[in-house]
C-alpha cells in the first residue's frame, strides 16, 4: 500500500484531539464596568471593575455565567481549546473529502 500523506496528517490531527478534553463551549467575555457606588474610584473612571463571563447556549437557551477572577485565565484557555477543536475538525473533514474525491476518481 502506498504512503498517503493526507492519511498520515489526519492521524496526527486525530491524536492531537486528546489534548482538548478540557475544552469549554461558548465565548469568554471580559468587561470593564462601573459598579454604581458614587464613592467608588470607578465612578470617576479611574479604575473600572473587571467582570469575566462565559456566554453560551445551555439547555436550548442563551446563558451567561459569571467567572471568578481566579479562574478567568483558565476558562479563557479552555474556551480557546474549543476553537482549536473546530479548526482541527474542519481540517480532518477537508482531508477526508480529498481522499474521497481521489477514491471516486479511481472507481
C-alpha atoms as a PDB file:
ATOM      1  CA  UNK A   1       0.000   0.000   0.000  1.00  0.00           C
ATOM      2  CA  UNK A   2       1.373   3.425  -0.960  1.00  0.00           C
ATOM      3  CA  UNK A   3       2.085   6.108   1.621  1.00  0.00           C
ATOM      4  CA  UNK A   4      -0.787   8.622   1.807  1.00  0.00           C
ATOM      5  CA  UNK A   5       0.360  11.968   3.284  1.00  0.00           C
ATOM      6  CA  UNK A   6      -3.247  13.060   3.875  1.00  0.00           C
ATOM      7  CA  UNK A   7      -3.913   9.908   5.879  1.00  0.00           C
ATOM      8  CA  UNK A   8      -0.780  10.491   7.961  1.00  0.00           C
ATOM      9  CA  UNK A   9      -1.771  14.130   8.543  1.00  0.00           C
ATOM     10  CA  UNK A  10      -5.278  13.065   9.558  1.00  0.00           C
ATOM     11  CA  UNK A  11      -3.819  10.582  12.052  1.00  0.00           C
ATOM     12  CA  UNK A  12      -1.694  13.286  13.656  1.00  0.00           C
ATOM     13  CA  UNK A  13      -4.706  15.596  13.905  1.00  0.00           C
ATOM     14  CA  UNK A  14      -6.894  12.901  15.477  1.00  0.00           C
ATOM     15  CA  UNK A  15      -4.192  12.059  18.028  1.00  0.00           C
ATOM     16  CA  UNK A  16      -3.890  15.757  18.940  1.00  0.00           C
ATOM     17  CA  UNK A  17      -7.569  15.838  19.951  1.00  0.00           C
ATOM     18  CA  UNK A  18      -6.857  14.120  23.274  1.00  0.00           C
ATOM     19  CA  UNK A  19      -5.247  17.348  24.478  1.00  0.00           C
ATOM     20  CA  UNK A  20      -8.596  19.099  24.060  1.00  0.00           C
ATOM     21  CA  UNK A  21     -10.560  17.124  26.657  1.00  0.00           C
ATOM     22  CA  UNK A  22     -10.856  20.155  28.980  1.00  0.00           C
ATOM     23  CA  UNK A  23     -12.451  22.448  26.387  1.00  0.00           C
ATOM     24  CA  UNK A  24     -15.483  24.589  27.201  1.00  0.00           C
ATOM     25  CA  UNK A  25     -18.181  25.793  24.810  1.00  0.00           C
ATOM     26  CA  UNK A  26     -19.149  29.404  24.252  1.00  0.00           C
ATOM     27  CA  UNK A  27     -17.314  32.675  24.357  1.00  0.00           C
ATOM     28  CA  UNK A  28     -15.153  34.180  27.065  1.00  0.00           C
ATOM     29  CA  UNK A  29     -16.119  37.795  27.716  1.00  0.00           C
ATOM     30  CA  UNK A  30     -14.133  40.348  29.700  1.00  0.00           C
ATOM     31  CA  UNK A  31     -15.881  43.598  30.555  1.00  0.00           C
ATOM     32  CA  UNK A  32     -14.843  46.666  32.464  1.00  0.00           C
ATOM     33  CA  UNK A  33     -17.653  48.469  34.184  1.00  0.00           C
ATOM     34  CA  UNK A  34     -18.618  50.892  36.882  1.00  0.00           C
ATOM     35  CA  UNK A  35     -20.196  49.345  39.967  1.00  0.00           C
ATOM     36  CA  UNK A  36     -22.648  52.196  40.571  1.00  0.00           C
ATOM     37  CA  UNK A  37     -21.433  53.224  44.017  1.00  0.00           C
ATOM     38  CA  UNK A  38     -20.924  57.008  43.995  1.00  0.00           C
ATOM     39  CA  UNK A  39     -17.893  56.848  46.326  1.00  0.00           C
ATOM     40  CA  UNK A  40     -16.032  54.099  44.438  1.00  0.00           C
ATOM     41  CA  UNK A  41     -12.932  55.011  42.433  1.00  0.00           C
ATOM     42  CA  UNK A  42     -14.635  53.585  39.329  1.00  0.00           C
ATOM     43  CA  UNK A  43     -17.255  56.362  39.499  1.00  0.00           C
ATOM     44  CA  UNK A  44     -14.624  58.823  38.306  1.00  0.00           C
ATOM     45  CA  UNK A  45     -13.384  56.388  35.665  1.00  0.00           C
ATOM     46  CA  UNK A  46     -10.030  55.934  37.394  1.00  0.00           C
ATOM     47  CA  UNK A  47     -10.124  52.150  37.693  1.00  0.00           C
ATOM     48  CA  UNK A  48     -13.057  50.193  36.343  1.00  0.00           C
ATOM     49  CA  UNK A  49     -14.018  46.806  37.735  1.00  0.00           C
ATOM     50  CA  UNK A  50     -13.286  43.701  35.694  1.00  0.00           C
ATOM     51  CA  UNK A  51     -16.077  41.255  35.088  1.00  0.00           C
ATOM     52  CA  UNK A  52     -15.454  37.883  33.456  1.00  0.00           C
ATOM     53  CA  UNK A  53     -18.257  35.923  31.796  1.00  0.00           C
ATOM     54  CA  UNK A  54     -18.794  32.694  29.908  1.00  0.00           C
ATOM     55  CA  UNK A  55     -21.511  33.200  27.307  1.00  0.00           C
ATOM     56  CA  UNK A  56     -23.126  30.208  25.601  1.00  0.00           C
ATOM     57  CA  UNK A  57     -26.312  28.378  24.699  1.00  0.00           C
ATOM     58  CA  UNK A  58     -27.173  25.950  27.512  1.00  0.00           C
ATOM     59  CA  UNK A  59     -30.224  23.682  27.545  1.00  0.00           C
ATOM     60  CA  UNK A  60     -31.544  25.493  24.475  1.00  0.00           C
ATOM     61  CA  UNK A  61     -31.332  28.985  25.961  1.00  0.00           C
ATOM     62  CA  UNK A  62     -28.696  31.712  25.787  1.00  0.00           C
ATOM     63  CA  UNK A  63     -26.936  31.866  29.137  1.00  0.00           C
ATOM     64  CA  UNK A  64     -24.187  33.879  30.742  1.00  0.00           C
ATOM     65  CA  UNK A  65     -22.187  32.529  33.674  1.00  0.00           C
ATOM     66  CA  UNK A  66     -20.026  34.653  35.957  1.00  0.00           C
ATOM     67  CA  UNK A  67     -16.389  33.533  36.049  1.00  0.00           C
ATOM     68  CA  UNK A  68     -14.433  34.240  39.252  1.00  0.00           C
ATOM     69  CA  UNK A  69     -11.316  36.308  38.589  1.00  0.00           C
ATOM     70  CA  UNK A  70      -9.104  33.495  39.916  1.00  0.00           C
ATOM     71  CA  UNK A  71     -10.469  31.166  37.209  1.00  0.00           C
ATOM     72  CA  UNK A  72     -10.570  33.702  34.354  1.00  0.00           C
ATOM     73  CA  UNK A  73      -7.335  32.723  32.598  1.00  0.00           C
ATOM     74  CA  UNK A  74      -8.085  29.009  32.892  1.00  0.00           C
ATOM     75  CA  UNK A  75     -11.581  29.477  31.435  1.00  0.00           C
ATOM     76  CA  UNK A  76     -10.217  31.676  28.642  1.00  0.00           C
ATOM     77  CA  UNK A  77      -7.751  28.932  27.669  1.00  0.00           C
ATOM     78  CA  UNK A  78     -10.397  26.205  27.845  1.00  0.00           C
ATOM     79  CA  UNK A  79     -12.716  28.180  25.542  1.00  0.00           C
ATOM     80  CA  UNK A  80      -9.791  28.652  23.145  1.00  0.00           C
ATOM     81  CA  UNK A  81      -9.392  24.862  23.106  1.00  0.00           C
ATOM     82  CA  UNK A  82     -12.916  24.649  21.667  1.00  0.00           C
ATOM     83  CA  UNK A  83     -11.890  26.966  18.833  1.00  0.00           C
ATOM     84  CA  UNK A  84      -8.831  24.779  18.169  1.00  0.00           C
ATOM     85  CA  UNK A  85     -11.090  21.711  18.157  1.00  0.00           C
ATOM     86  CA  UNK A  86     -13.250  23.249  15.450  1.00  0.00           C
ATOM     87  CA  UNK A  87     -10.201  24.118  13.354  1.00  0.00           C
ATOM     88  CA  UNK A  88      -8.849  20.581  13.680  1.00  0.00           C
ATOM     89  CA  UNK A  89     -12.255  19.041  12.879  1.00  0.00           C
ATOM     90  CA  UNK A  90     -12.539  21.242   9.772  1.00  0.00           C
ATOM     91  CA  UNK A  91      -9.055  20.190   8.670  1.00  0.00           C
ATOM     92  CA  UNK A  92      -9.868  16.490   9.183  1.00  0.00           C
ATOM     93  CA  UNK A  93     -13.055  16.886   7.122  1.00  0.00           C
ATOM     94  CA  UNK A  94     -11.096  18.595   4.353  1.00  0.00           C
ATOM     95  CA  UNK A  95      -8.561  15.751   4.286  1.00  0.00           C
ATOM     96  CA  UNK A  96     -11.340  13.160   4.250  1.00  0.00           C
ATOM     97  CA  UNK A  97     -13.034  14.951   1.359  1.00  0.00           C
ATOM     98  CA  UNK A  98      -9.783  14.950  -0.632  1.00  0.00           C
ATOM     99  CA  UNK A  99      -9.353  11.222  -0.011  1.00  0.00           C
ATOM    100  CA  UNK A 100     -12.974  10.565  -1.013  1.00  0.00           C
ATOM    101  CA  UNK A 101     -12.596  12.523  -4.253  1.00  0.00           C
ATOM    102  CA  UNK A 102      -9.403  10.604  -5.124  1.00  0.00           C
ATOM    103  CA  UNK A 103     -11.098   7.280  -4.432  1.00  0.00           C
ATOM    104  CA  UNK A 104     -14.108   8.324  -6.504  1.00  0.00           C
ATOM    105  CA  UNK A 105     -11.867   9.151  -9.476  1.00  0.00           C
ATOM    106  CA  UNK A 106     -10.242   5.705  -9.277  1.00  0.00           C
ATOM    107  CA  UNK A 107     -13.537   3.823  -9.381  1.00  0.00           C
END
